[in-house]
Amino acid sequence: MDHLLSLSQAARLVGIKRRQMQQYIQKGIVHAFEGAIRMSELQKVFPDAGQDHGGMIEKVRAIQDSALYKHKRGDSLPDAEHLMHEIHLLKLKLGEAEAKIDDYRTLLSETQTQMLELQEQCDRKQAMLLGNLIGWFMHQCKIRQ
């Protein structure tokens, strides 16, 4: 899955300083979107990036942050820094979800095209049956938008 990384995460992952990653972005070597870098974009410049399959480093850091916050918190309300961190994580997750939705939309479009091309190669009876399937498929896609 192509997930989003913060600038600091991306720099840590490839073993460079955050400032150097900023320079790569400014020079157009690495492309970022709203302060986040896609793993696939990072791997174009740093092919060995992402050897931590499944995002284990990020998961461990999130668990550590959560545990530290709970330990410090007691009964008081969360501080602004913690809330900003949570917002940042949610933005990253939202970006990942939006990317996945785009991928599924592309898949739906490609599936529709493939079925229509297949229908052209069928005999009359098969084309009619496939036409029913295509009609159902398109209707299901339309009502789920």
N, C-alpha and C. Protein backbone atom coordinates (compact mmCIF):
# COMPACT_ATOMS: atom_id res chain seq x y z
N MET A 1 0.85 -1.18 0.00
CA MET A 1 0.00 0.00 0.00
C MET A 1 0.89 1.23 0.00
N ASP A 2 0.53 2.25 -0.73
CA ASP A 2 1.27 3.48 -0.84
C ASP A 2 0.78 4.43 0.25
N HIS A 3 1.52 4.53 1.34
CA HIS A 3 1.06 5.38 2.42
C HIS A 3 1.85 6.68 2.48
N LEU A 4 1.30 7.64 3.22
CA LEU A 4 1.90 8.96 3.33
C LEU A 4 2.79 9.03 4.56
N LEU A 5 3.88 9.77 4.42
CA LEU A 5 4.82 9.96 5.51
C LEU A 5 5.00 11.45 5.74
N SER A 6 5.21 11.82 7.00
CA SER A 6 5.56 13.20 7.28
C SER A 6 6.98 13.44 6.79
N LEU A 7 7.37 14.68 6.70
CA LEU A 7 8.71 15.02 6.25
C LEU A 7 9.76 14.38 7.15
N SER A 8 9.55 14.45 8.45
CA SER A 8 10.49 13.86 9.41
C SER A 8 10.55 12.35 9.28
N GLN A 9 9.40 11.72 9.12
CA GLN A 9 9.37 10.26 8.97
C GLN A 9 10.13 9.83 7.72
N ALA A 10 9.89 10.54 6.63
CA ALA A 10 10.55 10.21 5.37
C ALA A 10 12.06 10.37 5.50
N ALA A 11 12.50 11.45 6.13
CA ALA A 11 13.93 11.68 6.32
C ALA A 11 14.55 10.58 7.18
N ARG A 12 13.88 10.23 8.27
CA ARG A 12 14.38 9.17 9.15
C ARG A 12 14.46 7.84 8.41
N LEU A 13 13.47 7.58 7.61
CA LEU A 13 13.39 6.31 6.91
C LEU A 13 14.56 6.10 5.95
N VAL A 14 15.00 7.18 5.33
CA VAL A 14 16.10 7.07 4.37
C VAL A 14 17.45 7.47 4.97
N GLY A 15 17.44 7.88 6.24
CA GLY A 15 18.69 8.17 6.94
C GLY A 15 19.32 9.50 6.62
N ILE A 16 18.48 10.51 6.36
CA ILE A 16 19.01 11.85 6.14
C ILE A 16 18.34 12.81 7.11
N LYS A 17 18.88 14.03 7.18
CA LYS A 17 18.30 15.04 8.07
C LYS A 17 17.05 15.64 7.42
N ARG A 18 16.14 16.10 8.28
CA ARG A 18 14.88 16.69 7.81
C ARG A 18 15.16 17.86 6.86
N ARG A 19 16.14 18.67 7.20
CA ARG A 19 16.49 19.84 6.38
C ARG A 19 16.91 19.41 4.97
N GLN A 20 17.65 18.33 4.89
CA GLN A 20 18.07 17.84 3.58
C GLN A 20 16.86 17.38 2.76
N MET A 21 15.89 16.73 3.43
CA MET A 21 14.68 16.32 2.74
C MET A 21 13.92 17.55 2.23
N GLN A 22 13.88 18.61 3.03
CA GLN A 22 13.23 19.85 2.60
C GLN A 22 13.92 20.40 1.35
N GLN A 23 15.23 20.33 1.31
CA GLN A 23 15.96 20.81 0.14
C GLN A 23 15.63 19.98 -1.10
N TYR A 24 15.51 18.66 -0.93
CA TYR A 24 15.12 17.80 -2.05
C TYR A 24 13.74 18.20 -2.58
N ILE A 25 12.84 18.52 -1.67
CA ILE A 25 11.49 18.93 -2.08
C ILE A 25 11.55 20.26 -2.81
N GLN A 26 12.31 21.22 -2.26
CA GLN A 26 12.42 22.54 -2.89
C GLN A 26 13.04 22.47 -4.27
N LYS A 27 13.98 21.55 -4.46
CA LYS A 27 14.65 21.39 -5.75
C LYS A 27 13.82 20.55 -6.73
N GLY A 28 12.71 19.95 -6.25
CA GLY A 28 11.86 19.14 -7.11
C GLY A 28 12.34 17.71 -7.27
N ILE A 29 13.30 17.30 -6.47
CA ILE A 29 13.81 15.93 -6.55
C ILE A 29 12.78 14.97 -5.95
N VAL A 30 12.18 15.38 -4.83
CA VAL A 30 11.13 14.62 -4.17
C VAL A 30 9.88 15.50 -4.17
N HIS A 31 8.75 14.93 -4.49
CA HIS A 31 7.50 15.68 -4.53
C HIS A 31 6.71 15.41 -3.25
N ALA A 32 6.16 16.50 -2.68
CA ALA A 32 5.36 16.38 -1.45
C ALA A 32 4.00 17.01 -1.69
N PHE A 33 3.03 16.61 -0.89
CA PHE A 33 1.68 17.16 -0.97
C PHE A 33 1.23 17.49 0.44
N GLU A 34 1.01 18.78 0.71
CA GLU A 34 0.58 19.27 2.02
C GLU A 34 1.45 18.72 3.14
N GLY A 35 2.77 18.78 2.92
CA GLY A 35 3.71 18.37 3.94
C GLY A 35 3.90 16.88 4.09
N ALA A 36 3.29 16.09 3.23
CA ALA A 36 3.41 14.63 3.31
C ALA A 36 4.04 14.12 2.02
N ILE A 37 4.75 13.00 2.15
CA ILE A 37 5.43 12.39 1.01
C ILE A 37 4.91 10.96 0.86
N ARG A 38 4.49 10.61 -0.34
CA ARG A 38 4.05 9.24 -0.60
C ARG A 38 5.26 8.31 -0.59
N MET A 39 5.06 7.12 -0.06
CA MET A 39 6.13 6.13 -0.02
C MET A 39 6.65 5.84 -1.42
N SER A 40 5.75 5.75 -2.41
CA SER A 40 6.17 5.47 -3.79
C SER A 40 7.06 6.60 -4.33
N GLU A 41 6.75 7.84 -3.96
CA GLU A 41 7.56 8.97 -4.40
C GLU A 41 8.94 8.91 -3.76
N LEU A 42 8.99 8.56 -2.49
CA LEU A 42 10.25 8.44 -1.77
C LEU A 42 11.11 7.34 -2.38
N GLN A 43 10.47 6.23 -2.77
CA GLN A 43 11.20 5.10 -3.33
C GLN A 43 11.75 5.38 -4.73
N LYS A 44 11.20 6.38 -5.42
CA LYS A 44 11.75 6.75 -6.73
C LYS A 44 13.17 7.30 -6.56
N VAL A 45 13.38 8.06 -5.49
CA VAL A 45 14.68 8.68 -5.25
C VAL A 45 15.56 7.78 -4.37
N PHE A 46 14.93 7.08 -3.42
CA PHE A 46 15.63 6.20 -2.48
C PHE A 46 15.04 4.80 -2.62
N PRO A 47 15.50 4.01 -3.57
CA PRO A 47 14.91 2.69 -3.84
C PRO A 47 14.86 1.75 -2.64
N ASP A 48 15.77 1.90 -1.69
CA ASP A 48 15.79 1.01 -0.53
C ASP A 48 14.86 1.46 0.57
N ALA A 49 14.19 2.60 0.40
CA ALA A 49 13.28 3.10 1.43
C ALA A 49 12.12 2.14 1.60
N GLY A 50 11.65 2.01 2.80
CA GLY A 50 10.46 1.21 3.05
C GLY A 50 10.74 -0.24 3.33
N GLN A 51 11.94 -0.56 3.74
CA GLN A 51 12.23 -1.95 4.08
C GLN A 51 11.45 -2.39 5.31
N ASP A 52 10.90 -1.42 6.04
CA ASP A 52 10.06 -1.73 7.20
C ASP A 52 8.65 -1.99 6.70
N HIS A 53 8.38 -3.17 6.19
CA HIS A 53 7.08 -3.51 5.63
C HIS A 53 6.02 -3.50 6.71
N GLY A 54 4.87 -2.94 6.38
CA GLY A 54 3.75 -2.91 7.30
C GLY A 54 3.76 -1.71 8.22
N GLY A 55 4.73 -0.79 8.08
CA GLY A 55 4.75 0.42 8.89
C GLY A 55 4.99 0.16 10.37
N MET A 56 5.79 -0.83 10.67
CA MET A 56 6.00 -1.18 12.08
C MET A 56 6.65 -0.05 12.87
N ILE A 57 7.57 0.68 12.26
CA ILE A 57 8.21 1.78 12.98
C ILE A 57 7.17 2.81 13.39
N GLU A 58 6.31 3.18 12.45
CA GLU A 58 5.27 4.17 12.75
C GLU A 58 4.30 3.64 13.80
N LYS A 59 3.93 2.35 13.72
CA LYS A 59 3.02 1.78 14.70
C LYS A 59 3.63 1.80 16.09
N VAL A 60 4.91 1.44 16.19
CA VAL A 60 5.60 1.46 17.49
C VAL A 60 5.65 2.88 18.04
N ARG A 61 5.97 3.84 17.18
CA ARG A 61 6.02 5.24 17.64
C ARG A 61 4.65 5.72 18.11
N ALA A 62 3.61 5.35 17.40
CA ALA A 62 2.26 5.75 17.81
C ALA A 62 1.90 5.14 19.15
N ILE A 63 2.26 3.88 19.36
CA ILE A 63 2.00 3.23 20.64
C ILE A 63 2.79 3.91 21.76
N GLN A 64 4.06 4.22 21.48
CA GLN A 64 4.88 4.90 22.48
C GLN A 64 4.30 6.27 22.82
N ASP A 65 3.93 7.03 21.79
CA ASP A 65 3.35 8.35 22.02
C ASP A 65 2.08 8.26 22.85
N SER A 66 1.25 7.29 22.51
CA SER A 66 0.00 7.11 23.23
C SER A 66 0.25 6.74 24.68
N ALA A 67 1.19 5.83 24.91
CA ALA A 67 1.49 5.40 26.28
C ALA A 67 2.09 6.55 27.08
N LEU A 68 2.98 7.31 26.47
CA LEU A 68 3.59 8.44 27.16
C LEU A 68 2.54 9.48 27.49
N TYR A 69 1.65 9.75 26.54
CA TYR A 69 0.58 10.71 26.77
C TYR A 69 -0.31 10.26 27.93
N LYS A 70 -0.70 9.00 27.95
CA LYS A 70 -1.56 8.49 29.02
C LYS A 70 -0.86 8.58 30.35
N HIS A 71 0.44 8.33 30.36
CA HIS A 71 1.20 8.39 31.61
C HIS A 71 1.26 9.82 32.12
N LYS A 72 1.53 10.76 31.26
CA LYS A 72 1.65 12.17 31.65
C LYS A 72 0.31 12.80 31.97
N ARG A 73 -0.72 12.35 31.31
CA ARG A 73 -2.03 12.99 31.33
C ARG A 73 -2.67 13.02 32.70
N GLY A 74 -2.73 11.90 33.37
CA GLY A 74 -3.48 11.86 34.61
C GLY A 74 -4.94 12.14 34.29
N ASP A 75 -5.53 13.11 34.96
CA ASP A 75 -6.92 13.47 34.72
C ASP A 75 -7.05 14.77 33.93
N SER A 76 -5.93 15.35 33.52
CA SER A 76 -6.00 16.64 32.83
C SER A 76 -6.36 16.45 31.35
N LEU A 77 -6.73 17.54 30.72
CA LEU A 77 -7.08 17.52 29.30
C LEU A 77 -5.81 17.43 28.46
N PRO A 78 -5.90 16.93 27.24
CA PRO A 78 -4.72 16.85 26.38
C PRO A 78 -4.18 18.23 26.04
N ASP A 79 -2.87 18.31 25.92
CA ASP A 79 -2.26 19.59 25.58
C ASP A 79 -2.31 19.81 24.07
N ALA A 80 -2.04 21.03 23.66
CA ALA A 80 -2.13 21.41 22.25
C ALA A 80 -1.17 20.61 21.38
N GLU A 81 0.01 20.34 21.89
CA GLU A 81 1.00 19.60 21.10
C GLU A 81 0.50 18.19 20.79
N HIS A 82 -0.10 17.54 21.80
CA HIS A 82 -0.63 16.20 21.56
C HIS A 82 -1.78 16.24 20.55
N LEU A 83 -2.65 17.22 20.68
CA LEU A 83 -3.77 17.33 19.74
C LEU A 83 -3.27 17.58 18.32
N MET A 84 -2.24 18.42 18.19
CA MET A 84 -1.68 18.67 16.86
C MET A 84 -1.09 17.39 16.28
N HIS A 85 -0.45 16.60 17.12
CA HIS A 85 0.11 15.32 16.67
C HIS A 85 -1.02 14.39 16.21
N GLU A 86 -2.09 14.33 16.96
CA GLU A 86 -3.23 13.48 16.59
C GLU A 86 -3.85 13.96 15.28
N ILE A 87 -3.97 15.26 15.11
CA ILE A 87 -4.51 15.82 13.87
C ILE A 87 -3.62 15.45 12.69
N HIS A 88 -2.32 15.56 12.91
CA HIS A 88 -1.37 15.20 11.85
C HIS A 88 -1.53 13.73 11.45
N LEU A 89 -1.63 12.84 12.44
CA LEU A 89 -1.80 11.41 12.13
C LEU A 89 -3.11 11.17 11.38
N LEU A 90 -4.16 11.87 11.78
CA LEU A 90 -5.44 11.71 11.10
C LEU A 90 -5.37 12.22 9.66
N LYS A 91 -4.64 13.31 9.44
CA LYS A 91 -4.46 13.82 8.07
C LYS A 91 -3.74 12.78 7.20
N LEU A 92 -2.73 12.15 7.78
CA LEU A 92 -2.01 11.12 7.03
C LEU A 92 -2.93 9.96 6.69
N LYS A 93 -3.72 9.52 7.67
CA LYS A 93 -4.65 8.41 7.43
C LYS A 93 -5.69 8.80 6.38
N LEU A 94 -6.17 10.04 6.44
CA LEU A 94 -7.14 10.51 5.46
C LEU A 94 -6.52 10.50 4.07
N GLY A 95 -5.29 10.94 3.95
CA GLY A 95 -4.60 10.92 2.66
C GLY A 95 -4.48 9.51 2.12
N GLU A 96 -4.16 8.57 3.00
CA GLU A 96 -4.06 7.17 2.58
C GLU A 96 -5.43 6.65 2.11
N ALA A 97 -6.48 7.00 2.84
CA ALA A 97 -7.83 6.55 2.48
C ALA A 97 -8.25 7.15 1.13
N GLU A 98 -7.94 8.43 0.92
CA GLU A 98 -8.29 9.07 -0.35
C GLU A 98 -7.53 8.42 -1.51
N ALA A 99 -6.27 8.08 -1.29
CA ALA A 99 -5.48 7.41 -2.33
C ALA A 99 -6.08 6.04 -2.65
N LYS A 100 -6.52 5.34 -1.62
CA LYS A 100 -7.12 4.02 -1.83
C LYS A 100 -8.43 4.14 -2.60
N ILE A 101 -9.23 5.16 -2.29
CA ILE A 101 -10.48 5.39 -3.01
C ILE A 101 -10.20 5.66 -4.49
N ASP A 102 -9.18 6.48 -4.76
CA ASP A 102 -8.81 6.75 -6.16
C ASP A 102 -8.40 5.46 -6.88
N ASP A 103 -7.66 4.61 -6.17
CA ASP A 103 -7.26 3.33 -6.77
C ASP A 103 -8.48 2.47 -7.10
N TYR A 104 -9.45 2.43 -6.20
CA TYR A 104 -10.66 1.64 -6.45
C TYR A 104 -11.48 2.22 -7.60
N ARG A 105 -11.53 3.54 -7.70
CA ARG A 105 -12.25 4.16 -8.82
C ARG A 105 -11.60 3.79 -10.15
N THR A 106 -10.29 3.79 -10.16
CA THR A 106 -9.56 3.39 -11.37
C THR A 106 -9.86 1.93 -11.70
N LEU A 107 -9.86 1.08 -10.69
CA LEU A 107 -10.17 -0.33 -10.90
C LEU A 107 -11.57 -0.51 -11.47
N LEU A 108 -12.55 0.22 -10.94
CA LEU A 108 -13.91 0.12 -11.45
C LEU A 108 -13.98 0.52 -12.92
N SER A 109 -13.31 1.60 -13.26
CA SER A 109 -13.31 2.07 -14.65
C SER A 109 -12.65 1.06 -15.58
N GLU A 110 -11.52 0.51 -15.13
CA GLU A 110 -10.83 -0.47 -15.95
C GLU A 110 -11.65 -1.76 -16.10
N THR A 111 -12.35 -2.16 -15.05
CA THR A 111 -13.20 -3.35 -15.10
C THR A 111 -14.33 -3.14 -16.11
N GLN A 112 -14.93 -1.97 -16.06
CA GLN A 112 -16.02 -1.65 -16.99
C GLN A 112 -15.50 -1.71 -18.44
N THR A 113 -14.36 -1.13 -18.68
CA THR A 113 -13.78 -1.14 -20.03
C THR A 113 -13.49 -2.56 -20.49
N GLN A 114 -12.92 -3.36 -19.62
CA GLN A 114 -12.61 -4.76 -19.96
C GLN A 114 -13.87 -5.55 -20.29
N MET A 115 -14.93 -5.34 -19.52
CA MET A 115 -16.17 -6.07 -19.77
C MET A 115 -16.79 -5.66 -21.11
N LEU A 116 -16.75 -4.37 -21.43
CA LEU A 116 -17.29 -3.91 -22.71
C LEU A 116 -16.49 -4.46 -23.88
N GLU A 117 -15.17 -4.52 -23.74
CA GLU A 117 -14.33 -5.09 -24.80
C GLU A 117 -14.60 -6.58 -24.95
N LEU A 118 -14.80 -7.27 -23.85
CA LEU A 118 -15.10 -8.70 -23.89
C LEU A 118 -16.45 -8.94 -24.56
N GLN A 119 -17.41 -8.07 -24.30
CA GLN A 119 -18.75 -8.22 -24.87
C GLN A 119 -18.69 -8.17 -26.40
N GLU A 120 -17.81 -7.34 -26.93
CA GLU A 120 -17.68 -7.23 -28.38
C GLU A 120 -17.18 -8.52 -29.02
N GLN A 121 -16.51 -9.36 -28.27
CA GLN A 121 -15.92 -10.59 -28.79
C GLN A 121 -16.85 -11.80 -28.63
N CYS A 122 -17.96 -11.61 -27.96
CA CYS A 122 -18.87 -12.73 -27.66
C CYS A 122 -19.88 -12.94 -28.78
N ASP A 123 -20.46 -14.15 -28.77
CA ASP A 123 -21.58 -14.38 -29.68
C ASP A 123 -22.81 -13.66 -29.11
N ARG A 124 -23.90 -13.70 -29.85
CA ARG A 124 -25.11 -12.93 -29.50
C ARG A 124 -25.63 -13.27 -28.11
N LYS A 125 -25.75 -14.56 -27.78
CA LYS A 125 -26.30 -14.97 -26.49
C LYS A 125 -25.36 -14.56 -25.34
N GLN A 126 -24.05 -14.80 -25.53
CA GLN A 126 -23.09 -14.42 -24.50
C GLN A 126 -23.07 -12.90 -24.32
N ALA A 127 -23.16 -12.17 -25.43
CA ALA A 127 -23.14 -10.71 -25.36
C ALA A 127 -24.35 -10.20 -24.58
N MET A 128 -25.50 -10.85 -24.76
CA MET A 128 -26.70 -10.45 -24.03
C MET A 128 -26.52 -10.71 -22.53
N LEU A 129 -26.01 -11.88 -22.18
CA LEU A 129 -25.77 -12.20 -20.77
C LEU A 129 -24.75 -11.25 -20.15
N LEU A 130 -23.68 -11.01 -20.88
CA LEU A 130 -22.66 -10.09 -20.38
C LEU A 130 -23.21 -8.67 -20.29
N GLY A 131 -24.08 -8.31 -21.22
CA GLY A 131 -24.74 -6.99 -21.16
C GLY A 131 -25.53 -6.82 -19.88
N ASN A 132 -26.23 -7.88 -19.46
CA ASN A 132 -26.96 -7.83 -18.19
C ASN A 132 -26.01 -7.60 -17.02
N LEU A 133 -24.89 -8.30 -17.04
CA LEU A 133 -23.90 -8.14 -15.97
C LEU A 133 -23.33 -6.73 -15.98
N ILE A 134 -23.02 -6.23 -17.16
CA ILE A 134 -22.47 -4.87 -17.28
C ILE A 134 -23.48 -3.85 -16.77
N GLY A 135 -24.75 -4.02 -17.14
CA GLY A 135 -25.79 -3.10 -16.67
C GLY A 135 -25.90 -3.11 -15.16
N TRP A 136 -25.90 -4.30 -14.58
CA TRP A 136 -25.96 -4.41 -13.11
C TRP A 136 -24.74 -3.75 -12.48
N PHE A 137 -23.56 -4.03 -13.04
CA PHE A 137 -22.32 -3.49 -12.51
C PHE A 137 -22.32 -1.96 -12.53
N MET A 138 -22.71 -1.38 -13.66
CA MET A 138 -22.74 0.08 -13.79
C MET A 138 -23.75 0.69 -12.82
N HIS A 139 -24.90 0.04 -12.68
CA HIS A 139 -25.92 0.53 -11.74
C HIS A 139 -25.37 0.49 -10.30
N GLN A 140 -24.71 -0.59 -9.93
CA GLN A 140 -24.15 -0.71 -8.59
C GLN A 140 -23.08 0.37 -8.34
N CYS A 141 -22.26 0.64 -9.35
CA CYS A 141 -21.24 1.69 -9.21
C CYS A 141 -21.89 3.06 -9.03
N LYS A 142 -22.97 3.30 -9.81
CA LYS A 142 -23.64 4.60 -9.76
C LYS A 142 -24.29 4.84 -8.41
N ILE A 143 -24.94 3.85 -7.84
CA ILE A 143 -25.65 4.07 -6.58
C ILE A 143 -24.68 4.15 -5.39
N ARG A 144 -23.46 3.74 -5.57
CA ARG A 144 -22.48 3.81 -4.48
C ARG A 144 -21.61 5.04 -4.51
N GLN A 145 -21.81 5.91 -5.48
CA GLN A 145 -20.98 7.12 -5.57
C GLN A 145 -21.37 8.14 -4.56
